Protein backbone atom coordinates (compact mmCIF):
# COMPACT_ATOMS: atom_id res chain seq x y z
CA MET A 1 -34.05 -9.70 16.80
CA LYS A 2 -31.19 -9.38 19.02
CA VAL A 3 -28.63 -6.78 18.49
CA SER A 4 -25.87 -9.32 18.25
CA ASP A 5 -27.89 -11.20 15.50
CA TYR A 6 -28.28 -7.77 13.64
CA VAL A 7 -24.44 -7.23 13.74
CA VAL A 8 -23.77 -10.59 12.30
CA ASP A 9 -26.42 -10.16 9.63
CA PHE A 10 -24.81 -6.95 8.67
CA LEU A 11 -21.37 -8.51 8.23
CA VAL A 12 -22.83 -11.15 6.12
CA SER A 13 -24.74 -8.56 4.00
CA LYS A 14 -21.26 -7.01 3.30
CA GLY A 15 -19.86 -10.28 1.87
CA ILE A 16 -17.56 -10.96 4.77
CA THR A 17 -17.16 -14.72 5.12
CA ASP A 18 -14.58 -14.93 7.88
CA VAL A 19 -14.00 -13.22 11.27
CA PHE A 20 -11.32 -13.87 13.77
CA GLY A 21 -11.30 -13.48 17.63
CA TYR A 22 -11.05 -14.92 21.09
CA PRO A 23 -13.88 -15.67 23.27
CA GLY A 24 -14.88 -13.60 26.39
CA GLY A 25 -17.63 -12.99 28.79
CA MET A 26 -18.77 -9.72 27.23
CA LEU A 27 -19.00 -11.34 23.83
CA THR A 28 -20.95 -14.40 24.61
CA HIS A 29 -24.13 -13.17 22.74
CA PHE A 30 -22.16 -12.02 19.67
CA MET A 31 -20.36 -15.49 19.80
CA ASP A 32 -23.75 -17.32 19.80
CA SER A 33 -24.99 -15.34 17.06
CA LEU A 34 -22.02 -16.26 14.85
CA TYR A 35 -22.57 -19.88 15.76
CA LYS A 36 -26.10 -19.72 14.72
CA ASN A 37 -24.96 -18.26 11.37
CA LYS A 38 -21.82 -20.61 10.83
CA GLU A 39 -23.00 -21.66 7.38
CA LEU A 40 -22.84 -17.91 6.20
CA ILE A 41 -19.91 -16.79 8.36
CA ARG A 42 -17.07 -18.67 9.73
CA SER A 43 -15.58 -17.70 13.19
CA HIS A 44 -12.01 -18.58 13.83
CA THR A 45 -10.50 -18.83 17.32
CA ASN A 46 -6.92 -17.75 17.58
CA TYR A 47 -4.93 -18.13 20.66
CA HIS A 48 -4.24 -14.35 21.25
CA GLU A 49 -6.20 -11.34 20.29
CA GLN A 50 -3.18 -9.74 18.66
CA ALA A 51 -3.13 -12.71 16.38
CA SER A 52 -6.73 -12.17 15.57
CA SER A 53 -6.11 -8.75 14.60
CA PHE A 54 -3.29 -9.66 12.14
CA SER A 55 -5.54 -12.38 10.79
CA ALA A 56 -8.20 -9.74 10.10
CA CYS A 57 -5.59 -7.45 8.49
CA ALA A 58 -4.48 -10.12 6.04
CA TYR A 59 -7.98 -11.25 5.23
CA ALA A 60 -8.66 -7.54 4.24
CA GLN A 61 -5.39 -7.31 2.30
CA VAL A 62 -6.27 -10.28 0.22
CA THR A 63 -9.87 -9.88 -0.49
CA GLY A 64 -10.32 -6.12 -0.42
CA LYS A 65 -13.25 -6.55 2.03
CA PRO A 66 -13.01 -5.33 5.67
CA GLY A 67 -11.35 -7.80 7.96
CA VAL A 68 -13.15 -8.34 11.28
CA ALA A 69 -11.61 -9.23 14.63
CA PHE A 70 -13.48 -9.31 17.91
CA ALA A 71 -12.32 -9.35 21.53
CA THR A 72 -13.91 -9.01 25.06
CA SER A 73 -13.52 -6.16 27.28
CA GLY A 74 -10.35 -5.10 29.18
CA PRO A 75 -7.35 -7.10 28.24
CA GLY A 76 -8.99 -8.57 25.23
CA ALA A 77 -9.57 -5.34 23.76
CA THR A 78 -6.25 -3.90 24.59
CA ASN A 79 -4.57 -6.93 23.05
CA LEU A 80 -5.94 -5.78 19.67
CA VAL A 81 -4.29 -2.34 19.81
CA THR A 82 -1.17 -3.41 17.85
CA GLY A 83 -3.15 -4.93 14.95
CA ILE A 84 -5.40 -1.78 14.97
CA CYS A 85 -2.15 0.34 14.59
CA ASN A 86 -0.99 -1.78 11.78
CA ALA A 87 -4.22 -1.41 9.99
CA TYR A 88 -4.13 2.29 10.43
CA PHE A 89 -0.62 2.82 9.27
CA ASP A 90 -0.96 0.44 6.28
CA THR A 91 -4.41 1.57 5.20
CA ILE A 92 -6.10 -1.71 5.83
CA PRO A 93 -9.91 -1.70 5.94
CA THR A 94 -10.73 -3.47 9.36
CA ILE A 95 -13.68 -3.67 11.82
CA PHE A 96 -12.81 -4.34 15.43
CA ILE A 97 -15.75 -5.31 17.62
CA THR A 98 -15.18 -5.29 21.30
CA GLY A 99 -17.51 -6.47 24.04
CA GLN A 100 -17.87 -3.98 27.02
CA VAL A 101 -19.34 -4.20 30.48
CA ASN A 102 -23.18 -3.69 30.96
CA THR A 103 -24.02 -0.05 30.79
CA ASN A 104 -25.09 -0.19 34.47
CA GLU A 105 -21.71 -1.44 35.42
CA SER A 106 -19.91 1.36 33.64
CA LYS A 107 -18.14 3.87 35.67
CA SER A 108 -19.88 6.62 33.48
CA GLY A 109 -17.89 9.55 34.47
CA LEU A 110 -17.46 8.56 38.07
CA ALA A 111 -14.14 9.71 39.70
CA VAL A 112 -12.94 6.09 39.90
CA ARG A 113 -10.49 3.99 37.88
CA GLN A 114 -12.90 1.16 37.16
CA LYS A 115 -16.25 -0.05 38.19
CA GLY A 116 -17.32 -3.07 36.03
CA PHE A 117 -15.06 -6.06 35.90
CA GLN A 118 -12.51 -5.78 33.15
CA GLU A 119 -13.86 -2.44 32.20
CA THR A 120 -11.49 -0.42 30.06
CA ASP A 121 -12.24 2.59 27.99
CA ILE A 122 -10.85 1.15 24.68
CA VAL A 123 -12.64 3.77 22.52
CA SER A 124 -10.33 6.67 24.06
CA MET A 125 -7.32 4.50 23.72
CA VAL A 126 -7.69 3.98 20.00
CA LYS A 127 -9.06 7.34 18.89
CA GLU A 128 -5.62 8.34 17.41
CA CYS A 129 -5.20 5.15 15.45
CA THR A 130 -8.64 4.59 13.99
CA LYS A 131 -10.79 6.42 11.31
CA TYR A 132 -13.70 5.93 13.93
CA ALA A 133 -14.16 4.46 17.33
CA VAL A 134 -17.51 4.53 19.05
CA TYR A 135 -19.10 3.24 22.27
CA VAL A 136 -22.54 2.03 21.26
CA LYS A 137 -24.52 2.86 24.44
CA SER A 138 -28.00 2.34 22.91
CA ALA A 139 -29.46 -0.52 20.95
CA ASP A 140 -31.40 2.17 18.83
CA ASP A 141 -28.00 3.30 17.47
CA ILE A 142 -26.65 0.09 16.27
CA ARG A 143 -27.85 0.35 12.47
CA TYR A 144 -26.36 3.92 12.36
CA GLU A 145 -23.09 3.12 14.00
CA LEU A 146 -22.56 -0.02 11.92
CA GLU A 147 -23.30 1.77 8.63
CA LYS A 148 -21.09 4.72 9.47
CA ALA A 149 -18.14 2.68 10.71
CA TYR A 150 -18.29 0.50 7.63
CA SER A 151 -18.57 3.43 5.26
CA LEU A 152 -15.68 5.20 6.87
CA CYS A 153 -13.58 1.95 6.78
CA MET A 154 -13.99 1.55 3.17
CA SER A 155 -14.08 5.11 1.82
CA GLY A 156 -11.29 7.52 1.16
CA ARG A 157 -8.06 6.44 2.74
CA LYS A 158 -9.18 3.24 4.20
CA GLY A 159 -8.41 2.07 7.53
CA PRO A 160 -9.59 0.55 10.92
CA VAL A 161 -12.84 1.27 12.91
CA LEU A 162 -13.84 0.04 16.28
CA LEU A 163 -17.33 -0.58 17.82
CA ASP A 164 -17.50 -1.09 21.59
CA ILE A 165 -20.67 -2.68 22.34
CA PRO A 166 -21.83 -3.35 25.92
CA MET A 167 -23.14 -6.85 26.83
CA ASN A 168 -26.67 -5.68 27.69
CA VAL A 169 -26.92 -3.75 24.29
CA PHE A 170 -25.73 -7.10 22.39
CA ARG A 171 -28.62 -9.02 24.08
CA GLN A 172 -31.37 -6.31 23.56
CA ASP A 173 -34.29 -7.00 21.11
CA ILE A 174 -34.84 -4.43 18.29
CA ASP A 175 -36.95 -3.78 15.39
CA PRO A 176 -34.70 -3.20 12.49
CA THR A 177 -37.23 -1.44 10.58
CA THR A 178 -37.30 1.47 12.97
CA LEU A 179 -33.54 2.00 13.17
CA LYS A 180 -31.88 5.14 11.76
CA GLY A 181 -29.41 4.69 9.02
CA TYR A 182 -26.27 6.50 7.96
CA LEU A 183 -25.50 8.19 4.62
CA ASN A 184 -22.00 9.23 3.55
CA GLU A 185 -21.46 11.37 0.54
CA THR A 186 -17.86 11.68 -0.39
CA ASP A 187 -16.97 12.05 -4.01
CA LEU A 188 -13.48 12.77 -5.26
CA GLU A 189 -13.33 14.90 -8.35
CA LEU A 190 -10.35 14.38 -10.47
CA ARG A 191 -9.47 17.41 -12.60
CA SER A 192 -8.37 17.03 -16.09
CA VAL A 193 -5.96 19.86 -15.95
CA GLU A 194 -3.99 17.90 -13.28
CA LEU A 195 -3.75 14.87 -15.61
CA GLU A 196 -2.71 17.00 -18.55
CA LYS A 197 -0.06 18.60 -16.55
CA MET A 198 1.07 15.17 -15.24
CA MET A 199 1.44 13.87 -18.79
CA SER A 200 3.03 17.01 -20.13
CA LEU A 201 5.80 16.57 -17.48
CA ILE A 202 6.36 12.88 -18.37
CA SER A 203 6.49 13.93 -22.14
CA SER A 204 9.05 16.68 -21.50
CA SER A 205 11.21 14.71 -19.15
CA LYS A 206 14.28 12.75 -20.54
CA ARG A 207 14.78 10.46 -17.41
CA PRO A 208 11.33 9.86 -15.87
CA CYS A 209 10.84 7.17 -13.15
CA ILE A 210 7.81 5.87 -11.46
CA ILE A 211 7.78 4.98 -7.65
CA ALA A 212 5.00 2.53 -7.14
CA GLY A 213 3.55 2.44 -3.70
CA SER A 214 1.22 0.05 -1.97
CA GLY A 215 -1.78 2.42 -2.82
CA LEU A 216 -1.73 0.46 -6.10
CA LYS A 217 -2.49 -2.76 -4.18
CA ILE A 218 -5.14 -1.06 -1.87
CA SER A 219 -6.99 0.35 -4.63
CA ASN A 220 -6.87 -2.99 -6.66
CA GLN A 221 -5.01 -1.34 -9.58
CA VAL A 222 -2.08 -3.67 -10.01
CA GLU A 223 -3.01 -5.17 -13.28
CA ALA A 224 -4.21 -1.82 -14.73
CA PHE A 225 -0.87 -0.23 -13.59
CA ARG A 226 1.10 -3.05 -15.38
CA THR A 227 -0.76 -2.09 -18.41
CA LEU A 228 0.00 1.44 -18.09
CA VAL A 229 3.66 0.85 -17.56
CA GLU A 230 3.88 -1.10 -20.82
CA LYS A 231 2.20 1.90 -22.52
CA LEU A 232 4.62 4.39 -21.07
CA GLN A 233 7.61 2.26 -21.11
CA ILE A 234 9.52 4.11 -18.39
CA PRO A 235 11.42 2.51 -15.49
CA VAL A 236 9.53 1.59 -12.41
CA VAL A 237 10.94 1.24 -8.77
CA THR A 238 8.69 0.38 -5.85
CA SER A 239 8.41 0.71 -2.09
CA MET A 240 8.99 -2.45 -0.22
CA LEU A 241 5.39 -3.05 0.52
CA ALA A 242 4.66 -2.82 -3.26
CA PHE A 243 7.51 -4.86 -4.78
CA ASP A 244 5.10 -7.41 -5.93
CA CYS A 245 3.18 -4.76 -8.16
CA MET A 246 5.71 -5.42 -10.79
CA ARG A 247 6.34 -8.91 -12.25
CA SER A 248 9.74 -10.01 -11.64
CA ASP A 249 10.28 -10.57 -15.33
CA SER A 250 9.08 -7.14 -16.48
CA ASN A 251 11.51 -5.16 -18.58
CA PHE A 252 10.48 -2.00 -16.60
CA ASN A 253 11.06 -3.43 -13.07
CA TYR A 254 13.96 -1.96 -11.51
CA GLY A 255 13.75 -3.13 -7.86
CA PHE A 256 12.65 -1.49 -4.68
CA ILE A 257 14.12 1.69 -3.10
CA GLY A 258 15.27 2.90 0.33
CA ALA A 259 17.55 2.31 3.12
CA TYR A 260 17.63 -1.54 2.44
CA GLY A 261 16.45 -1.39 -1.18
CA HIS A 262 18.45 -2.47 -4.30
CA ARG A 263 21.39 -0.39 -5.05
CA TYR A 264 20.48 -0.05 -8.64
CA ALA A 265 16.99 1.17 -7.82
CA ASN A 266 18.41 3.94 -5.54
CA PHE A 267 20.89 4.92 -8.36
CA ILE A 268 18.18 5.21 -10.97
CA VAL A 269 16.07 7.36 -8.73
CA GLU A 270 19.15 9.57 -8.17
CA LYS A 271 19.69 9.78 -12.09
CA SER A 272 16.03 10.60 -12.84
CA ASP A 273 14.80 14.04 -13.86
CA LEU A 274 11.20 13.31 -12.95
CA ILE A 275 9.78 11.13 -10.18
CA ILE A 276 6.04 10.02 -10.53
CA SER A 277 5.09 8.74 -7.01
CA LEU A 278 1.71 6.78 -7.18
CA GLY A 279 0.44 5.89 -3.83
CA SER A 280 3.48 6.05 -1.69
CA ARG A 281 3.85 8.39 1.17
CA LEU A 282 7.56 8.69 0.78
CA ASP A 283 8.56 8.02 4.19
CA VAL A 284 12.03 8.47 5.72
CA ARG A 285 13.01 4.72 4.96
CA GLN A 286 12.36 5.55 1.27
CA VAL A 287 13.80 9.06 0.92
CA GLY A 288 16.74 8.78 3.52
CA GLY A 289 17.28 10.83 6.64
CA LYS A 290 18.31 14.05 4.72
CA VAL A 291 15.36 14.62 2.22
CA GLU A 292 17.47 17.20 0.21
CA ASN A 293 19.56 14.20 -0.80
CA PHE A 294 16.65 12.39 -2.41
CA ALA A 295 16.53 12.59 -6.25
CA HIS A 296 18.03 16.03 -5.99
CA GLN A 297 17.95 16.77 -9.63
CA ALA A 298 14.43 15.59 -10.19
CA LYS A 299 10.99 17.08 -10.37
CA LEU A 300 8.40 15.27 -8.31
CA ILE A 301 4.79 14.41 -9.05
CA ARG A 302 3.00 12.98 -5.99
CA VAL A 303 -0.36 11.16 -6.30
CA ASP A 304 -2.04 10.42 -2.93
CA LEU A 305 -5.47 9.93 -1.64
CA ASP A 306 -4.70 11.44 1.74
CA GLN A 307 -4.38 15.20 1.47
CA ASP A 308 -2.66 15.17 4.89
CA GLU A 309 0.25 13.29 3.52
CA PHE A 310 1.17 16.44 1.33
CA SER A 311 1.95 18.39 4.43
CA ASN A 312 5.17 16.32 4.68
CA LYS A 313 6.72 17.95 1.68
CA ILE A 314 9.65 16.23 -0.10
CA LYS A 315 10.27 19.14 -2.59
CA ASN A 316 9.09 22.76 -2.42
CA ASP A 317 7.78 22.72 -6.00
CA GLU A 318 6.26 19.15 -6.08
CA LEU A 319 3.19 18.67 -8.04
CA GLN A 320 0.56 17.33 -5.71
CA ILE A 321 -2.44 15.49 -7.08
CA LYS A 322 -5.17 14.27 -4.56
CA ALA A 323 -6.68 11.28 -6.31
CA ASP A 324 -7.79 7.79 -5.75
CA LEU A 325 -5.70 5.37 -7.98
CA LYS A 326 -8.84 3.40 -8.79
CA ASP A 327 -9.93 6.44 -10.81
CA LEU A 328 -6.54 7.87 -11.93
CA ILE A 329 -4.99 4.65 -13.42
CA PRO A 330 -7.90 3.76 -15.62
CA LEU A 331 -8.03 7.57 -16.90
CA LEU A 332 -4.24 7.44 -17.76
CA ASN A 333 -4.72 4.15 -19.53
CA GLU A 334 -7.21 5.93 -21.88
CA PHE A 335 -4.85 8.50 -23.10
CA LYS A 336 -4.78 8.42 -26.88
CA SER A 337 -1.11 9.34 -27.19
CA PHE A 338 1.68 8.49 -24.96
CA PRO A 339 5.11 9.95 -24.62
CA SER A 340 7.81 8.85 -26.90
CA LYS A 341 9.87 6.04 -25.71
CA LYS A 342 13.02 7.02 -23.59
CA ILE A 343 15.18 4.35 -25.14
CA GLN A 344 18.61 5.90 -24.16
CA TRP A 345 17.25 6.27 -20.50
CA LEU A 346 16.36 2.61 -20.35
CA LYS A 347 19.70 1.60 -21.61
CA VAL A 348 21.30 3.58 -18.77
CA CYS A 349 19.00 1.90 -16.15
CA ASP A 350 19.95 -1.44 -17.71
CA GLU A 351 23.55 -0.76 -17.37
CA ILE A 352 23.26 0.60 -13.74
CA MET A 353 21.32 -2.66 -12.99
CA ALA A 354 23.69 -4.90 -14.70
CA LYS A 355 26.69 -3.54 -12.72
CA LEU A 356 24.98 -3.71 -9.23
CA LYS A 357 22.61 -6.45 -9.27
CA ASP A 358 24.57 -9.21 -7.45
CA LYS A 359 26.63 -7.00 -5.25
CA ASP A 360 25.13 -7.75 -1.88
CA LEU A 361 23.79 -11.33 -2.00
CA GLN A 362 23.96 -13.12 1.33
CA LYS A 363 23.25 -16.76 2.08
CA ALA A 364 19.81 -15.94 2.93
CA ASN A 365 19.02 -14.03 -0.31
CA ILE A 366 20.30 -16.99 -2.46
CA ILE A 367 18.25 -19.62 -0.53
CA ILE A 368 14.98 -17.44 -0.74
CA LYS A 369 15.52 -16.69 -4.31
CA GLU A 370 15.85 -20.55 -4.95
CA ILE A 371 12.78 -21.39 -2.89
CA SER A 372 10.72 -18.81 -4.67
CA LYS A 373 11.23 -20.68 -7.91
CA SER A 374 9.39 -23.68 -6.54
CA ILE A 375 6.54 -21.81 -4.92
CA PRO A 376 3.40 -22.06 -7.16
CA ASP A 377 1.50 -19.15 -8.70
CA LYS A 378 -1.78 -17.85 -7.12
CA VAL A 379 -0.69 -18.25 -3.72
CA MET A 380 -0.25 -15.92 -0.75
CA ILE A 381 3.18 -15.01 0.78
CA THR A 382 3.50 -13.21 4.23
CA THR A 383 6.65 -11.92 5.93
CA ASP A 384 7.35 -10.78 9.38
CA VAL A 385 9.44 -7.90 10.43
CA GLY A 386 13.19 -7.68 10.49
CA GLN A 387 15.70 -9.29 8.26
CA ASN A 388 13.47 -11.89 6.77
CA GLN A 389 11.16 -9.26 5.31
CA VAL A 390 14.03 -7.43 3.64
CA TRP A 391 15.57 -10.49 2.22
CA VAL A 392 12.18 -11.60 0.66
CA ALA A 393 11.73 -8.12 -0.83
CA GLN A 394 15.44 -8.19 -2.25
CA SER A 395 15.28 -11.67 -3.54
CA PHE A 396 11.94 -13.31 -3.90
CA ILE A 397 11.01 -13.99 -7.58
CA THR A 398 7.27 -13.31 -7.70
CA LYS A 399 4.97 -14.93 -10.08
CA PRO A 400 2.11 -12.82 -11.84
CA ASN A 401 -0.77 -13.86 -9.47
CA GLN A 402 1.11 -14.01 -6.17
CA LYS A 403 0.54 -11.51 -3.37
CA VAL A 404 3.07 -10.66 -0.79
CA LEU A 405 1.63 -9.23 2.56
CA PHE A 406 3.84 -6.99 4.95
CA SER A 407 3.42 -5.16 8.15
CA GLY A 408 4.95 -1.79 6.95
CA GLY A 409 4.40 1.47 8.86
CA HIS A 410 3.86 -0.09 12.26
CA ALA A 411 6.46 -2.90 11.51
CA ALA A 412 4.97 -5.29 14.09
CA MET A 413 6.98 -8.43 14.78
CA GLY A 414 4.84 -11.55 15.07
CA TYR A 415 2.65 -10.58 11.95
CA SER A 416 3.51 -13.26 9.54
CA LEU A 417 2.20 -16.32 11.13
CA PRO A 418 -1.35 -15.01 12.02
CA ALA A 419 -1.47 -13.06 8.88
CA ALA A 420 -0.85 -16.51 6.96
CA ILE A 421 -3.92 -17.85 8.76
CA GLY A 422 -6.02 -14.92 7.63
CA ALA A 423 -4.59 -15.18 4.06
CA TYR A 424 -5.53 -18.76 3.91
CA TYR A 425 -9.20 -18.13 4.68
CA ALA A 426 -9.24 -15.20 2.37
CA SER A 427 -7.75 -17.09 -0.57
CA GLN A 428 -8.60 -20.78 0.29
CA GLY A 429 -5.13 -21.73 -1.10
CA PRO A 430 -1.60 -22.47 0.19
CA VAL A 431 0.26 -19.78 2.12
CA PHE A 432 3.98 -19.35 2.65
CA SER A 433 5.10 -17.73 5.67
CA PHE A 434 8.54 -16.16 6.15
CA ASN A 435 9.70 -15.41 9.75
CA GLY A 436 12.78 -14.68 11.71
CA ASP A 437 13.79 -16.44 14.87
CA GLY A 438 12.59 -13.50 16.89
CA GLY A 439 9.25 -12.66 15.18
CA ILE A 440 8.00 -16.25 15.16
CA GLN A 441 8.13 -16.27 19.01
CA MET A 442 5.91 -13.35 19.18
CA ASN A 443 2.78 -15.24 18.20
CA ILE A 444 4.22 -18.85 18.19
CA GLN A 445 1.03 -20.10 19.93
CA GLU A 446 -0.74 -19.92 16.52
CA LEU A 447 1.10 -22.96 15.40
CA GLN A 448 -1.51 -24.66 17.46
CA PHE A 449 -4.17 -23.06 15.16
CA VAL A 450 -2.21 -24.21 12.00
CA SER A 451 -1.89 -27.68 13.35
CA ARG A 452 -5.56 -27.90 14.71
CA GLU A 453 -7.01 -26.92 11.40
CA LYS A 454 -4.39 -28.63 9.21
CA LEU A 455 -3.83 -25.43 7.20
CA PRO A 456 -1.60 -25.72 3.99
CA ILE A 457 0.87 -23.16 5.38
CA LYS A 458 4.69 -23.57 4.99
CA ILE A 459 6.34 -21.69 7.84
CA PHE A 460 9.88 -20.67 6.97
CA ILE A 461 12.09 -19.60 9.97
CA LEU A 462 15.39 -17.82 9.03
CA ASN A 463 17.33 -18.52 12.18
CA ASN A 464 20.50 -16.82 12.86
CA ARG A 465 19.88 -17.02 16.76
CA SER A 466 19.86 -13.28 17.13
CA LEU A 467 17.72 -10.17 16.60
CA GLY A 468 19.76 -9.32 13.51
CA MET A 469 18.62 -5.85 12.55
CA ILE A 470 19.51 -4.59 16.15
CA THR A 471 22.83 -6.55 16.31
CA HIS A 472 23.96 -4.90 13.11
CA PHE A 473 23.11 -1.52 14.50
CA GLN A 474 24.93 -2.37 17.76
CA GLU A 475 27.96 -3.37 15.65
CA MET A 476 28.02 -0.13 13.76
CA TYR A 477 27.27 2.28 16.72
CA PHE A 478 27.88 0.48 20.07
CA ASP A 479 31.22 -1.10 19.54
CA SER A 480 29.75 -4.52 18.93
CA LYS A 481 28.11 -4.81 22.40
CA TYR A 482 25.10 -7.06 21.64
CA ALA A 483 23.04 -6.40 24.76
CA MET A 484 19.82 -8.38 24.77
CA THR A 485 20.04 -9.38 21.12
CA THR A 486 22.38 -12.56 20.93
CA GLU A 487 22.91 -15.77 22.71
CA ASN A 488 24.65 -15.35 26.00
CA GLU A 489 23.55 -11.75 26.12
CA GLY A 490 19.88 -12.09 27.23
CA TYR A 491 18.38 -13.57 23.99
CA SER A 492 18.09 -17.08 22.82
CA THR A 493 15.88 -19.23 20.56
CA PRO A 494 14.21 -22.62 21.18
CA ASP A 495 14.91 -25.95 19.26
CA PHE A 496 12.36 -25.38 16.51
CA GLU A 497 12.49 -29.05 15.66
CA LYS A 498 11.21 -29.78 18.93
CA ILE A 499 8.61 -27.10 18.64
CA ALA A 500 7.34 -28.74 15.42
CA TYR A 501 7.15 -32.12 17.20
CA ALA A 502 5.23 -30.45 20.01
CA TYR A 503 2.57 -28.94 17.63
CA ASP A 504 2.53 -32.16 15.43
CA LEU A 505 3.86 -30.31 12.49
CA LYS A 506 6.20 -31.64 9.84
CA TYR A 507 9.81 -30.24 10.16
CA THR A 508 12.60 -29.75 7.73
CA LYS A 509 16.04 -28.11 8.03
CA ILE A 510 17.72 -26.18 5.41
CA ALA A 511 21.47 -25.65 6.07
CA SER A 512 22.66 -24.92 2.68
CA LEU A 513 21.46 -24.21 -0.98
CA SER A 514 21.63 -27.81 -1.85
CA ASP A 515 19.04 -28.77 0.74
CA VAL A 516 16.30 -26.62 -1.04
CA GLY A 517 15.82 -29.35 -3.64
CA SER A 518 14.50 -31.75 -0.96
CA LEU A 519 11.56 -29.54 -0.05
CA HIS A 520 7.98 -30.56 -1.02
CA LEU A 521 6.32 -27.18 -1.36
CA SER A 522 3.13 -28.40 -2.95
CA ASP A 523 2.24 -31.34 -0.78
CA GLY A 524 -0.54 -29.20 1.14
CA LEU A 525 0.86 -29.97 4.57
CA PRO A 526 1.69 -27.55 7.32
CA GLU A 527 5.34 -27.55 7.91
CA ILE A 528 8.19 -25.69 9.76
CA ILE A 529 11.15 -25.15 7.45
CA GLU A 530 14.10 -23.98 9.59
CA ILE A 531 16.80 -22.11 7.50
CA LYS A 532 20.08 -22.10 9.53
CA LEU A 533 22.13 -19.04 9.09
CA ASP A 534 25.34 -17.85 10.75
CA ASN A 535 24.93 -16.00 14.10
CA LEU A 536 25.81 -12.54 12.84
CA THR A 537 24.17 -12.59 9.40
CA TYR A 538 23.38 -9.11 8.24
CA VAL A 539 21.26 -7.39 5.61
CA TYR A 540 23.13 -5.51 2.84
CA PRO A 541 22.96 -2.93 1.42
CA LYS A 542 22.15 -0.75 4.35
CA LEU A 543 21.96 3.07 4.36
CA GLU A 544 23.90 5.07 6.95
CA PHE A 545 21.81 7.97 8.37
CA GLY A 546 22.47 11.16 6.37
CA LYS A 547 24.07 9.59 3.39
CA PRO A 548 22.31 9.72 -0.11
CA ASN A 549 20.27 6.65 -0.85
CA GLN A 550 22.62 5.39 -3.62
CA ASP A 551 25.76 5.33 -1.31
CA GLN A 552 24.73 2.40 0.77
CA GLU A 553 27.11 0.25 2.93
CA PRO A 554 29.28 -1.54 2.20
CA ARG A 555 30.23 1.39 -0.08
CA ILE A 556 31.13 0.17 -3.57
CA ASP A 557 34.47 1.03 -5.20
CA ARG A 558 34.63 4.83 -5.80
CA ASP A 559 35.59 4.54 -9.43
CA LEU A 560 32.37 2.57 -10.04
CA TYR A 561 30.32 4.89 -7.96
CA ASN A 562 31.68 7.87 -9.88
CA TYR A 563 31.15 6.15 -13.26
CA LEU A 564 27.44 5.36 -12.44
CA MET A 565 26.80 8.88 -11.24
CA SER A 566 28.30 10.23 -14.55
CA LEU A 567 25.82 8.13 -16.74
């Protein structure tokens, strides 16, 4: 059998049903092998390789299986890099397959920039943003390299891998029975003493608080975590990427923390005497620019799968537990006795939330909240990067079986639309894609994919005709000089109604809250829904650098602030 056939058979054997990519000369044998197996694995042609990489990320985020994206050599391969970084920083298992020039056309150490047409050393380029990247120079190595890449992709802290395969290797015949395999033995042992110390700290604390991170989603422990919270009965705040880990109607859900997080969530963290961080790396957007201001009276328990994350210490005396949440959460749920309820502490949390909950609502928050009420359960939601992402995290009312997908660490604009495509094929259900007027233009060509395949994707564009996150920064620190970010200053947006017409998509305009009732969100039709906002619409609350998380802008009345700090 050909190597290209073997690669496709391997993907099928791992339960992968969909792959995403763009055709190219060095991939033709792989493309033909996919075509021959189209009843077992579907190949989807995006209109840019970056979009393919984002679609693959979303497929993995929904299914838990590796997302697969492919591209040809040279510009095709380099166009994948943004998505590879996205997968690396957000711990998304993905397999990237790139075609490469024939081995006899490779520069192979020659002192030249390039020998083969579109030859580019993609492996060297992505070494720092993959778990494994390899140039497969011999057909005899294909089984070993596939098995190794898959194993590393799915084990430990998950992430992207890349296989760069020359065209002549793809077309070479092999006998699979003679190929050498790969064996990876990585067992992570959880020590009972760590669990006991963790539960002891929770029992002795008076004001414990859990920070739920996206590791709960990656380890498929969301439901088990919700069960654990009901047993512990202590408040939970989340990272932005994990805000859907808690049901909106949970009595223990106190919002998400950080620079653009809910005020009440940040106050609750500050008032805590113990923070239990589960699967969150506690980055600067969560803890603030001055880490000494973060929960300064609290002890800290950090649970993370990646030992390297502990090198970035938040507190000198933090308890660090290296563990996979898929092992830890079930063990915690099996504890026979749980700490006594912190009833007085929960009352304090409720009072803080009641006094701050509606302090910062913008038009966008109100409209998104209303739209979310009409979005059915068991669907996927994708967001882009920028104001739209924060507004969704702040105001979207999630239902129990909805999943919200973000681009977090790499924060790549242009993510939402191609991610919605990947999420559709992963879930086989409707997808609701939130975008800003800037991000949608990064991969606007994928509207043709949505139109071509008639995918049931609702594409919301929150249009304030500016790059709002940056204009806000410019207003605060550059005397409101909106260089390159507003109309007449080097930035503009198209007429999205005409864009919808050009791509043969339904179009609806939302100018006010009253227009939301006219939406038909369950009709299964692809549609652009433009939400009109004022030009200088900003996200609030917002943390100024160096300030404590709970003291966000615009600053609340000092009497109220001091009262909440005294609780």
